[in-house]
N, C-alpha and C. Protein backbone atom coordinates (compact mmCIF):
# COMPACT_ATOMS: atom_id res chain seq x y z
N UNK A 1 270.19 -70.07 166.81
CA UNK A 1 269.27 -70.10 167.88
C UNK A 1 267.85 -70.12 167.32
N UNK A 2 267.05 -71.03 167.86
CA UNK A 2 265.69 -71.16 167.36
C UNK A 2 264.79 -70.03 167.89
N UNK A 3 263.80 -69.67 167.10
CA UNK A 3 262.84 -68.62 167.47
C UNK A 3 261.47 -69.22 167.69
N UNK A 4 260.73 -68.60 168.60
CA UNK A 4 259.36 -69.06 168.90
C UNK A 4 258.39 -68.18 168.12
N UNK A 5 257.78 -68.78 167.11
CA UNK A 5 256.83 -68.03 166.28
C UNK A 5 255.38 -68.22 166.73
N UNK A 6 255.17 -68.98 167.75
CA UNK A 6 253.83 -69.28 168.23
C UNK A 6 253.10 -68.01 168.70
N UNK A 7 253.64 -67.25 169.57
CA UNK A 7 253.00 -66.04 170.11
C UNK A 7 252.91 -64.92 169.08
N UNK A 8 253.83 -64.92 168.17
CA UNK A 8 253.86 -63.86 167.16
C UNK A 8 252.71 -63.99 166.18
N UNK A 9 252.29 -65.20 165.85
CA UNK A 9 251.24 -65.42 164.88
C UNK A 9 249.87 -65.00 165.44
N UNK A 10 249.66 -65.07 166.75
CA UNK A 10 248.38 -64.73 167.35
C UNK A 10 248.18 -63.23 167.51
N UNK A 11 249.21 -62.48 167.57
CA UNK A 11 249.09 -61.03 167.72
C UNK A 11 248.70 -60.41 166.39
N UNK A 12 247.59 -59.63 166.44
CA UNK A 12 247.16 -58.91 165.23
C UNK A 12 247.31 -57.43 165.48
N UNK A 13 247.71 -56.73 164.46
CA UNK A 13 247.87 -55.28 164.67
C UNK A 13 246.49 -54.64 164.91
N UNK A 14 246.42 -53.63 165.76
CA UNK A 14 245.12 -52.98 166.03
C UNK A 14 244.59 -52.28 164.76
N UNK A 15 243.24 -52.33 164.59
CA UNK A 15 242.64 -51.70 163.40
C UNK A 15 242.58 -50.19 163.60
N UNK A 16 242.86 -49.48 162.55
CA UNK A 16 242.79 -48.02 162.59
C UNK A 16 241.36 -47.59 162.29
N UNK A 17 240.84 -46.59 163.00
CA UNK A 17 239.50 -46.10 162.66
C UNK A 17 239.52 -45.37 161.32
N UNK A 18 238.32 -45.27 160.71
CA UNK A 18 238.24 -44.59 159.42
C UNK A 18 238.57 -43.11 159.60
N UNK A 19 239.31 -42.55 158.68
CA UNK A 19 239.67 -41.13 158.82
C UNK A 19 238.44 -40.22 158.64
N UNK A 20 238.49 -39.01 159.20
CA UNK A 20 237.39 -38.07 159.16
C UNK A 20 237.00 -37.65 157.76
N UNK A 21 237.99 -37.51 156.87
CA UNK A 21 237.68 -37.08 155.50
C UNK A 21 236.84 -38.13 154.78
N UNK A 22 237.01 -39.43 155.13
CA UNK A 22 236.22 -40.47 154.51
C UNK A 22 234.75 -40.38 154.96
N UNK A 23 234.53 -40.09 156.25
CA UNK A 23 233.16 -39.88 156.75
C UNK A 23 232.52 -38.67 156.08
N UNK A 24 233.28 -37.59 155.91
CA UNK A 24 232.78 -36.39 155.27
C UNK A 24 232.37 -36.68 153.82
N UNK A 25 233.22 -37.39 153.10
CA UNK A 25 232.94 -37.73 151.71
C UNK A 25 231.69 -38.61 151.61
N UNK A 26 231.56 -39.57 152.53
CA UNK A 26 230.38 -40.44 152.53
C UNK A 26 229.11 -39.63 152.78
N UNK A 27 229.15 -38.70 153.74
CA UNK A 27 227.98 -37.86 154.03
C UNK A 27 227.61 -36.98 152.86
N UNK A 28 228.61 -36.41 152.18
CA UNK A 28 228.32 -35.56 151.02
C UNK A 28 227.71 -36.37 149.88
N UNK A 29 228.22 -37.55 149.64
CA UNK A 29 227.66 -38.39 148.58
C UNK A 29 226.22 -38.80 148.90
N UNK A 30 225.96 -39.18 150.14
CA UNK A 30 224.62 -39.56 150.54
C UNK A 30 223.65 -38.36 150.42
N UNK A 31 224.09 -37.18 150.86
CA UNK A 31 223.25 -35.98 150.73
C UNK A 31 222.99 -35.63 149.29
N UNK A 32 223.99 -35.76 148.43
CA UNK A 32 223.80 -35.49 147.01
C UNK A 32 222.83 -36.47 146.37
N UNK A 33 222.90 -37.74 146.78
CA UNK A 33 221.99 -38.74 146.25
C UNK A 33 220.55 -38.42 146.64
N UNK A 34 220.32 -38.03 147.90
CA UNK A 34 218.96 -37.69 148.36
C UNK A 34 218.46 -36.45 147.64
N UNK A 35 219.32 -35.44 147.47
CA UNK A 35 218.92 -34.23 146.74
C UNK A 35 218.57 -34.56 145.29
N UNK A 36 219.31 -35.46 144.68
CA UNK A 36 219.02 -35.84 143.29
C UNK A 36 217.68 -36.55 143.21
N UNK A 37 217.34 -37.37 144.19
CA UNK A 37 216.03 -38.04 144.20
C UNK A 37 214.89 -37.02 144.30
N UNK A 38 215.05 -36.03 145.16
CA UNK A 38 214.03 -34.99 145.27
C UNK A 38 213.91 -34.20 143.98
N UNK A 39 215.03 -33.92 143.35
CA UNK A 39 215.00 -33.16 142.10
C UNK A 39 214.30 -33.96 141.01
N UNK A 40 214.57 -35.26 140.94
CA UNK A 40 213.91 -36.10 139.95
C UNK A 40 212.41 -36.20 140.22
N UNK A 41 212.04 -36.26 141.48
CA UNK A 41 210.61 -36.29 141.83
C UNK A 41 209.93 -34.99 141.40
N UNK A 42 210.62 -33.88 141.50
CA UNK A 42 210.06 -32.60 141.09
C UNK A 42 209.95 -32.46 139.58
N UNK A 43 210.64 -33.30 138.82
CA UNK A 43 210.62 -33.22 137.37
C UNK A 43 209.52 -34.08 136.76
N UNK A 44 208.70 -34.71 137.57
CA UNK A 44 207.63 -35.57 137.02
C UNK A 44 206.58 -34.70 136.33
N UNK A 45 205.71 -35.35 135.54
CA UNK A 45 204.70 -34.63 134.77
C UNK A 45 203.65 -33.98 135.68
N UNK A 46 203.42 -34.55 136.86
CA UNK A 46 202.40 -34.01 137.76
C UNK A 46 202.84 -32.71 138.42
N UNK A 47 204.11 -32.56 138.68
CA UNK A 47 204.59 -31.39 139.41
C UNK A 47 204.77 -30.22 138.46
N UNK A 48 204.24 -29.09 138.83
CA UNK A 48 204.44 -27.86 138.08
C UNK A 48 203.67 -27.81 136.79
N UNK A 49 204.14 -28.48 135.77
CA UNK A 49 203.48 -28.50 134.48
C UNK A 49 203.81 -27.28 133.64
N UNK A 50 204.70 -26.44 134.05
CA UNK A 50 205.05 -25.25 133.29
C UNK A 50 206.44 -25.44 132.70
N UNK A 51 206.64 -24.80 131.56
CA UNK A 51 207.94 -24.89 130.91
C UNK A 51 208.94 -24.00 131.61
N UNK A 52 210.16 -24.46 131.68
CA UNK A 52 211.24 -23.67 132.23
C UNK A 52 212.10 -23.24 131.06
N UNK A 53 212.37 -21.96 130.96
CA UNK A 53 213.18 -21.46 129.86
C UNK A 53 212.31 -21.13 128.66
N UNK A 54 212.90 -21.19 127.46
CA UNK A 54 212.17 -20.85 126.23
C UNK A 54 211.18 -21.96 125.90
N UNK A 55 209.99 -21.57 125.45
CA UNK A 55 208.97 -22.55 125.07
C UNK A 55 209.31 -23.14 123.70
N UNK A 56 208.95 -24.40 123.50
CA UNK A 56 209.22 -25.01 122.20
C UNK A 56 208.31 -24.42 121.12
N UNK A 57 208.67 -24.68 119.86
CA UNK A 57 207.88 -24.15 118.75
C UNK A 57 206.47 -24.70 118.74
N UNK A 58 206.30 -25.95 119.02
CA UNK A 58 204.96 -26.53 119.10
C UNK A 58 204.86 -27.33 120.40
N UNK A 59 203.67 -27.33 120.99
CA UNK A 59 203.53 -28.04 122.27
C UNK A 59 203.71 -29.53 122.09
N UNK A 60 204.07 -30.24 123.14
CA UNK A 60 204.25 -31.68 123.02
C UNK A 60 202.94 -32.36 122.64
N UNK A 61 203.05 -33.49 121.96
CA UNK A 61 201.87 -34.21 121.49
C UNK A 61 201.09 -34.76 122.68
N UNK A 62 199.78 -34.63 122.64
CA UNK A 62 198.92 -35.17 123.68
C UNK A 62 198.77 -34.24 124.88
N UNK A 63 199.49 -33.17 124.94
CA UNK A 63 199.38 -32.26 126.08
C UNK A 63 198.32 -31.22 125.79
N UNK A 64 197.50 -30.94 126.76
CA UNK A 64 196.46 -29.92 126.63
C UNK A 64 196.97 -28.67 127.34
N UNK A 65 196.98 -27.59 126.60
CA UNK A 65 197.47 -26.34 127.17
C UNK A 65 196.39 -25.72 128.04
N UNK A 66 196.72 -25.47 129.29
CA UNK A 66 195.77 -24.87 130.23
C UNK A 66 196.14 -23.42 130.45
N UNK A 67 195.13 -22.60 130.47
CA UNK A 67 195.33 -21.18 130.78
C UNK A 67 194.84 -20.96 132.21
N UNK A 68 195.73 -20.58 133.05
CA UNK A 68 195.36 -20.34 134.46
C UNK A 68 194.80 -18.94 134.60
N UNK A 69 193.72 -18.84 135.36
CA UNK A 69 193.14 -17.53 135.65
C UNK A 69 194.04 -16.83 136.66
N UNK A 70 194.24 -15.54 136.50
CA UNK A 70 195.06 -14.84 137.50
C UNK A 70 194.32 -14.86 138.84
N UNK A 71 195.05 -15.03 139.92
CA UNK A 71 194.39 -15.09 141.23
C UNK A 71 193.73 -13.76 141.56
N UNK A 72 192.63 -13.86 142.31
CA UNK A 72 191.92 -12.66 142.71
C UNK A 72 192.81 -11.86 143.66
N UNK A 73 192.72 -10.54 143.60
CA UNK A 73 193.55 -9.74 144.52
C UNK A 73 193.18 -10.07 145.96
N UNK A 74 194.15 -10.09 146.84
CA UNK A 74 193.86 -10.45 148.23
C UNK A 74 192.95 -9.43 148.89
N UNK A 75 192.10 -9.94 149.77
CA UNK A 75 191.18 -9.07 150.49
C UNK A 75 191.98 -8.21 151.46
N UNK A 76 191.72 -6.91 151.52
CA UNK A 76 192.51 -6.06 152.41
C UNK A 76 192.30 -6.47 153.86
N UNK A 77 193.38 -6.39 154.63
CA UNK A 77 193.31 -6.76 156.04
C UNK A 77 192.51 -5.75 156.83
N UNK A 78 192.60 -4.50 156.47
CA UNK A 78 191.93 -3.45 157.21
C UNK A 78 190.85 -2.85 156.32
N UNK A 79 189.64 -2.87 156.80
CA UNK A 79 188.56 -2.33 155.98
C UNK A 79 188.16 -0.92 156.38
N UNK A 80 188.87 -0.29 157.31
CA UNK A 80 188.50 1.06 157.69
C UNK A 80 188.81 2.07 156.58
N UNK A 81 189.68 1.69 155.63
CA UNK A 81 189.94 2.58 154.51
C UNK A 81 188.66 2.76 153.67
N UNK A 82 187.86 1.71 153.59
CA UNK A 82 186.60 1.81 152.85
C UNK A 82 185.49 2.37 153.72
N UNK A 83 185.53 2.08 155.01
CA UNK A 83 184.45 2.51 155.90
C UNK A 83 184.47 4.02 156.16
N UNK A 84 185.65 4.60 156.31
CA UNK A 84 185.73 6.01 156.69
C UNK A 84 185.10 6.95 155.67
N UNK A 85 185.35 6.78 154.36
CA UNK A 85 184.69 7.70 153.42
C UNK A 85 183.16 7.59 153.44
N UNK A 86 182.63 6.41 153.71
CA UNK A 86 181.18 6.25 153.76
C UNK A 86 180.59 6.87 155.02
N UNK A 87 181.37 7.01 156.06
CA UNK A 87 180.88 7.55 157.31
C UNK A 87 181.07 9.07 157.40
N UNK A 88 181.58 9.66 156.36
CA UNK A 88 181.84 11.10 156.36
C UNK A 88 180.53 11.88 156.45
N UNK A 89 180.53 12.89 157.29
CA UNK A 89 179.35 13.72 157.48
C UNK A 89 179.69 15.14 157.04
N UNK A 90 178.83 15.70 156.19
CA UNK A 90 179.06 17.07 155.76
C UNK A 90 178.28 18.02 156.66
N UNK A 91 178.97 19.03 157.15
CA UNK A 91 178.34 20.02 158.02
C UNK A 91 178.00 21.23 157.16
N UNK A 92 176.75 21.70 157.23
CA UNK A 92 176.39 22.88 156.42
C UNK A 92 177.18 24.11 156.85
N UNK A 93 177.39 25.00 155.89
CA UNK A 93 178.16 26.22 156.14
C UNK A 93 177.53 27.07 157.24
N UNK A 94 176.21 27.08 157.31
CA UNK A 94 175.54 27.91 158.32
C UNK A 94 175.91 27.46 159.73
N UNK A 95 176.02 26.19 159.93
CA UNK A 95 176.38 25.69 161.26
C UNK A 95 177.84 25.98 161.59
N UNK A 96 178.67 26.05 160.57
CA UNK A 96 180.07 26.35 160.82
C UNK A 96 180.26 27.80 161.26
N UNK A 97 179.42 28.70 160.76
CA UNK A 97 179.56 30.12 161.08
C UNK A 97 179.00 30.44 162.47
N UNK A 98 178.05 29.64 162.94
CA UNK A 98 177.46 29.89 164.25
C UNK A 98 178.49 29.65 165.34
N UNK A 99 178.32 30.38 166.43
CA UNK A 99 179.19 30.20 167.57
C UNK A 99 178.70 28.97 168.34
N UNK A 100 179.59 28.12 168.74
CA UNK A 100 179.14 26.97 169.51
C UNK A 100 178.67 27.41 170.90
N UNK A 101 177.67 26.75 171.45
CA UNK A 101 177.20 27.13 172.78
C UNK A 101 178.29 26.88 173.81
N UNK A 102 178.24 27.63 174.88
CA UNK A 102 179.24 27.48 175.94
C UNK A 102 179.14 26.08 176.53
N UNK A 103 180.27 25.48 176.68
CA UNK A 103 180.30 24.11 177.20
C UNK A 103 179.94 24.12 178.67
N UNK A 104 179.14 23.15 179.06
CA UNK A 104 178.77 23.03 180.47
C UNK A 104 179.99 22.56 181.24
N UNK A 105 180.16 23.05 182.45
CA UNK A 105 181.32 22.61 183.23
C UNK A 105 181.22 21.12 183.53
N UNK A 106 182.36 20.48 183.61
CA UNK A 106 182.39 19.05 183.86
C UNK A 106 181.81 18.77 185.24
N UNK A 107 180.99 17.75 185.35
CA UNK A 107 180.39 17.48 186.66
C UNK A 107 181.46 17.02 187.64
N UNK A 108 181.38 17.53 188.83
CA UNK A 108 182.34 17.16 189.87
C UNK A 108 182.01 15.75 190.34
N UNK A 109 183.01 15.08 190.82
CA UNK A 109 182.79 13.74 191.32
C UNK A 109 182.02 13.84 192.63
N UNK A 110 180.82 13.33 192.59
CA UNK A 110 179.97 13.37 193.77
C UNK A 110 179.54 11.96 194.10
N UNK A 111 178.74 11.87 195.11
CA UNK A 111 178.23 10.55 195.49
C UNK A 111 177.28 10.01 194.44
N UNK A 112 176.71 10.90 193.58
CA UNK A 112 175.76 10.48 192.56
C UNK A 112 176.48 9.88 191.34
N UNK A 113 177.80 10.04 191.26
CA UNK A 113 178.55 9.50 190.13
C UNK A 113 178.97 8.08 190.44
N UNK A 114 178.69 7.19 189.49
CA UNK A 114 179.08 5.79 189.64
C UNK A 114 180.22 5.49 188.68
N UNK A 115 181.04 4.56 189.09
CA UNK A 115 182.15 4.11 188.26
C UNK A 115 182.03 2.61 188.06
N UNK A 116 182.45 2.17 186.89
CA UNK A 116 182.57 0.75 186.58
C UNK A 116 184.00 0.53 186.11
N UNK A 117 184.50 -0.66 186.32
CA UNK A 117 185.81 -1.04 185.80
C UNK A 117 185.61 -2.06 184.70
N UNK A 118 186.03 -1.71 183.49
CA UNK A 118 185.92 -2.67 182.38
C UNK A 118 187.20 -3.49 182.36
N UNK A 119 187.05 -4.80 182.50
CA UNK A 119 188.18 -5.70 182.63
C UNK A 119 188.44 -6.45 181.34
N UNK A 120 187.56 -6.37 180.37
CA UNK A 120 187.81 -7.04 179.10
C UNK A 120 186.67 -6.82 178.14
N UNK A 121 186.98 -7.00 176.86
CA UNK A 121 185.99 -6.93 175.79
C UNK A 121 186.32 -8.07 174.83
N UNK A 122 185.36 -8.98 174.63
CA UNK A 122 185.63 -10.20 173.89
C UNK A 122 184.66 -10.37 172.73
N UNK A 123 185.12 -11.06 171.68
CA UNK A 123 184.26 -11.37 170.54
C UNK A 123 183.36 -12.55 170.85
N UNK A 124 183.82 -13.48 171.69
CA UNK A 124 183.05 -14.67 172.01
C UNK A 124 182.48 -14.56 173.41
N UNK A 125 181.23 -14.94 173.57
CA UNK A 125 180.56 -14.88 174.88
C UNK A 125 181.22 -15.85 175.86
N UNK A 126 181.75 -16.97 175.37
CA UNK A 126 182.39 -17.94 176.25
C UNK A 126 183.61 -17.34 176.93
N UNK A 127 184.38 -16.53 176.19
CA UNK A 127 185.56 -15.90 176.77
C UNK A 127 185.15 -14.89 177.84
N UNK A 128 184.08 -14.15 177.58
CA UNK A 128 183.60 -13.18 178.56
C UNK A 128 183.10 -13.89 179.81
N UNK A 129 182.41 -15.00 179.65
CA UNK A 129 181.93 -15.75 180.81
C UNK A 129 183.10 -16.32 181.62
N UNK A 130 184.15 -16.74 180.94
CA UNK A 130 185.32 -17.25 181.64
C UNK A 130 185.96 -16.15 182.48
N UNK A 131 186.09 -14.94 181.91
CA UNK A 131 186.67 -13.83 182.67
C UNK A 131 185.76 -13.45 183.84
N UNK A 132 184.44 -13.49 183.62
CA UNK A 132 183.49 -13.19 184.69
C UNK A 132 183.66 -14.18 185.84
N UNK A 133 183.83 -15.45 185.53
CA UNK A 133 184.02 -16.47 186.57
C UNK A 133 185.31 -16.23 187.34
N UNK A 134 186.39 -15.87 186.63
CA UNK A 134 187.66 -15.60 187.31
C UNK A 134 187.52 -14.45 188.30
N UNK A 135 186.83 -13.38 187.88
CA UNK A 135 186.68 -12.22 188.75
C UNK A 135 185.71 -12.49 189.90
N UNK A 136 184.69 -13.29 189.65
CA UNK A 136 183.74 -13.63 190.71
C UNK A 136 184.44 -14.43 191.80
N UNK A 137 185.36 -15.32 191.42
CA UNK A 137 186.11 -16.08 192.40
C UNK A 137 187.01 -15.18 193.25
N UNK A 138 187.39 -14.03 192.70
CA UNK A 138 188.21 -13.08 193.47
C UNK A 138 187.35 -12.18 194.35
N UNK A 139 186.02 -12.28 194.24
CA UNK A 139 185.14 -11.51 195.11
C UNK A 139 184.60 -10.23 194.50
N UNK A 140 184.69 -10.07 193.20
CA UNK A 140 184.19 -8.87 192.54
C UNK A 140 182.76 -9.10 192.07
N UNK A 141 181.98 -8.04 192.06
CA UNK A 141 180.64 -8.08 191.47
C UNK A 141 180.80 -7.76 189.99
N UNK A 142 180.47 -8.71 189.12
CA UNK A 142 180.79 -8.60 187.69
C UNK A 142 179.53 -8.84 186.87
N UNK A 143 179.41 -8.10 185.77
CA UNK A 143 178.35 -8.37 184.81
C UNK A 143 178.92 -8.27 183.40
N UNK A 144 178.26 -8.94 182.47
CA UNK A 144 178.68 -8.96 181.06
C UNK A 144 177.60 -8.24 180.26
N UNK A 145 178.01 -7.22 179.50
CA UNK A 145 177.06 -6.50 178.64
C UNK A 145 177.42 -6.76 177.19
N UNK A 146 176.41 -6.81 176.37
CA UNK A 146 176.59 -7.05 174.94
C UNK A 146 176.56 -5.71 174.22
N UNK A 147 177.54 -5.45 173.37
CA UNK A 147 177.61 -4.18 172.63
C UNK A 147 177.77 -4.49 171.15
N UNK A 148 176.94 -3.86 170.35
CA UNK A 148 177.03 -4.06 168.90
C UNK A 148 177.90 -2.93 168.33
N UNK A 149 179.06 -3.30 167.80
CA UNK A 149 180.02 -2.33 167.27
C UNK A 149 179.70 -1.99 165.83
N UNK A 150 179.40 -2.99 165.04
CA UNK A 150 179.08 -2.80 163.62
C UNK A 150 178.00 -3.78 163.23
N UNK A 151 177.67 -3.83 161.95
CA UNK A 151 176.60 -4.74 161.53
C UNK A 151 176.93 -6.22 161.79
N UNK A 152 178.20 -6.58 161.70
CA UNK A 152 178.58 -7.98 161.91
C UNK A 152 179.52 -8.15 163.10
N UNK A 153 179.64 -7.15 163.94
CA UNK A 153 180.61 -7.20 165.03
C UNK A 153 179.92 -6.94 166.36
N UNK A 154 179.88 -7.97 167.19
CA UNK A 154 179.30 -7.85 168.53
C UNK A 154 180.40 -8.16 169.54
N UNK A 155 180.48 -7.34 170.58
CA UNK A 155 181.47 -7.53 171.65
C UNK A 155 180.76 -7.78 172.96
N UNK A 156 181.42 -8.53 173.81
CA UNK A 156 180.90 -8.82 175.13
C UNK A 156 181.86 -8.18 176.13
N UNK A 157 181.37 -7.15 176.84
CA UNK A 157 182.20 -6.39 177.75
C UNK A 157 182.01 -6.88 179.18
N UNK A 158 183.13 -7.12 179.84
CA UNK A 158 183.10 -7.58 181.22
C UNK A 158 183.39 -6.39 182.11
N UNK A 159 182.42 -6.04 182.96
CA UNK A 159 182.55 -4.85 183.82
C UNK A 159 182.30 -5.23 185.27
N UNK A 160 183.06 -4.61 186.14
CA UNK A 160 182.92 -4.79 187.58
C UNK A 160 182.37 -3.50 188.17
N UNK A 161 181.51 -3.63 189.14
CA UNK A 161 180.98 -2.44 189.78
C UNK A 161 179.50 -2.53 189.95
N UNK A 162 178.84 -1.48 190.30
CA UNK A 162 179.26 -0.08 190.33
C UNK A 162 180.01 0.26 191.61
N UNK A 163 180.87 1.26 191.52
CA UNK A 163 181.62 1.79 192.65
C UNK A 163 181.22 3.25 192.82
N UNK A 164 181.00 3.67 194.04
CA UNK A 164 180.65 5.06 194.32
C UNK A 164 181.88 5.77 194.90
N UNK A 165 182.33 6.77 194.19
CA UNK A 165 183.48 7.55 194.64
C UNK A 165 184.80 7.01 194.11
N UNK A 166 185.77 7.92 194.05
CA UNK A 166 187.06 7.56 193.47
C UNK A 166 187.87 6.66 194.39
N UNK A 167 187.69 6.78 195.69
CA UNK A 167 188.45 5.93 196.61
C UNK A 167 188.09 4.46 196.40
N UNK A 168 186.81 4.16 196.25
CA UNK A 168 186.37 2.78 196.06
C UNK A 168 186.85 2.23 194.73
N UNK A 169 186.76 3.03 193.69
CA UNK A 169 187.19 2.55 192.37
C UNK A 169 188.70 2.35 192.33
N UNK A 170 189.47 3.23 193.01
CA UNK A 170 190.93 3.07 193.03
C UNK A 170 191.33 1.82 193.81
N UNK A 171 190.62 1.53 194.90
CA UNK A 171 190.91 0.34 195.69
C UNK A 171 190.62 -0.93 194.87
N UNK A 172 189.48 -0.95 194.16
CA UNK A 172 189.14 -2.10 193.33
C UNK A 172 190.13 -2.26 192.18
N UNK A 173 190.53 -1.17 191.60
CA UNK A 173 191.49 -1.22 190.49
C UNK A 173 192.84 -1.77 190.96
N UNK A 174 193.25 -1.38 192.18
CA UNK A 174 194.50 -1.86 192.74
C UNK A 174 194.41 -3.38 193.00
N UNK A 175 193.26 -3.84 193.51
CA UNK A 175 193.07 -5.28 193.73
C UNK A 175 193.12 -6.05 192.41
N UNK A 176 192.50 -5.50 191.36
CA UNK A 176 192.54 -6.15 190.05
C UNK A 176 193.97 -6.21 189.52
N UNK A 177 194.70 -5.11 189.67
CA UNK A 177 196.07 -5.06 189.18
C UNK A 177 196.94 -6.07 189.93
N UNK A 178 196.74 -6.20 191.25
CA UNK A 178 197.51 -7.17 192.02
C UNK A 178 197.20 -8.60 191.59
N UNK A 179 195.99 -8.83 191.09
CA UNK A 179 195.60 -10.17 190.63
C UNK A 179 195.99 -10.41 189.18
N UNK A 180 196.56 -9.41 188.51
CA UNK A 180 197.04 -9.59 187.14
C UNK A 180 196.06 -9.19 186.06
N UNK A 181 195.06 -8.37 186.39
CA UNK A 181 194.07 -7.94 185.41
C UNK A 181 194.21 -6.45 185.16
N UNK A 182 194.22 -6.05 183.89
CA UNK A 182 194.21 -4.64 183.52
C UNK A 182 192.76 -4.19 183.45
N UNK A 183 192.52 -2.92 183.76
CA UNK A 183 191.15 -2.41 183.72
C UNK A 183 191.16 -0.95 183.32
N UNK A 184 189.99 -0.49 182.82
CA UNK A 184 189.81 0.92 182.53
C UNK A 184 188.58 1.39 183.30
N UNK A 185 188.59 2.68 183.67
CA UNK A 185 187.50 3.25 184.47
C UNK A 185 186.47 3.82 183.53
N UNK A 186 185.19 3.47 183.78
CA UNK A 186 184.06 3.99 183.03
C UNK A 186 183.20 4.78 184.02
N UNK A 187 182.97 6.06 183.73
CA UNK A 187 182.15 6.88 184.61
C UNK A 187 180.75 7.00 184.06
N UNK A 188 179.76 6.84 184.94
CA UNK A 188 178.38 7.00 184.51
C UNK A 188 177.61 7.63 185.65
N UNK A 189 176.62 8.47 185.30
CA UNK A 189 175.80 9.13 186.33
C UNK A 189 174.73 8.15 186.77
N UNK A 190 174.52 8.04 188.08
CA UNK A 190 173.50 7.12 188.59
C UNK A 190 172.13 7.72 188.42
N UNK A 191 171.16 6.89 188.33
CA UNK A 191 169.79 7.35 188.10
C UNK A 191 169.08 7.50 189.41
């Protein structure tokens, strides 16, 4: 019986995808090649310039030996360690033996006492002006005062007020808190 080979010749077996281990091996080889290129780039004469391991008996010909200066010690982040001993005040023994005068009673909160709410203290005047504008838009009476903290340190304090009495200052503080601003109370006697 004759066979029909026509249809059989056109059928091709489906191709199998590459196995996962072959992809893994290809990725590892490619990563190793890139790492080797970086390592070779690091071995050039421009990079480092220092010997690794034991130094040879004589330096290579044409190379100039450079002596690097040790880096300066880092500047301390906090300078109050140096400032505090200079600000120390010695009290004479005679003053220590004297009895301190009786402290005056704390003044009661009266109508003559004014309060201010300090809403911020900034190093830059622009930041203080920005905070002043934000508070002015909320309806607060705000002023910016300049305070010199140290010889090279000036702060710009943003204060709201004056408020007379604790009820007024508490109400203003609550409004500031509801608007997302923290504040501290500053008490001052009115003139």
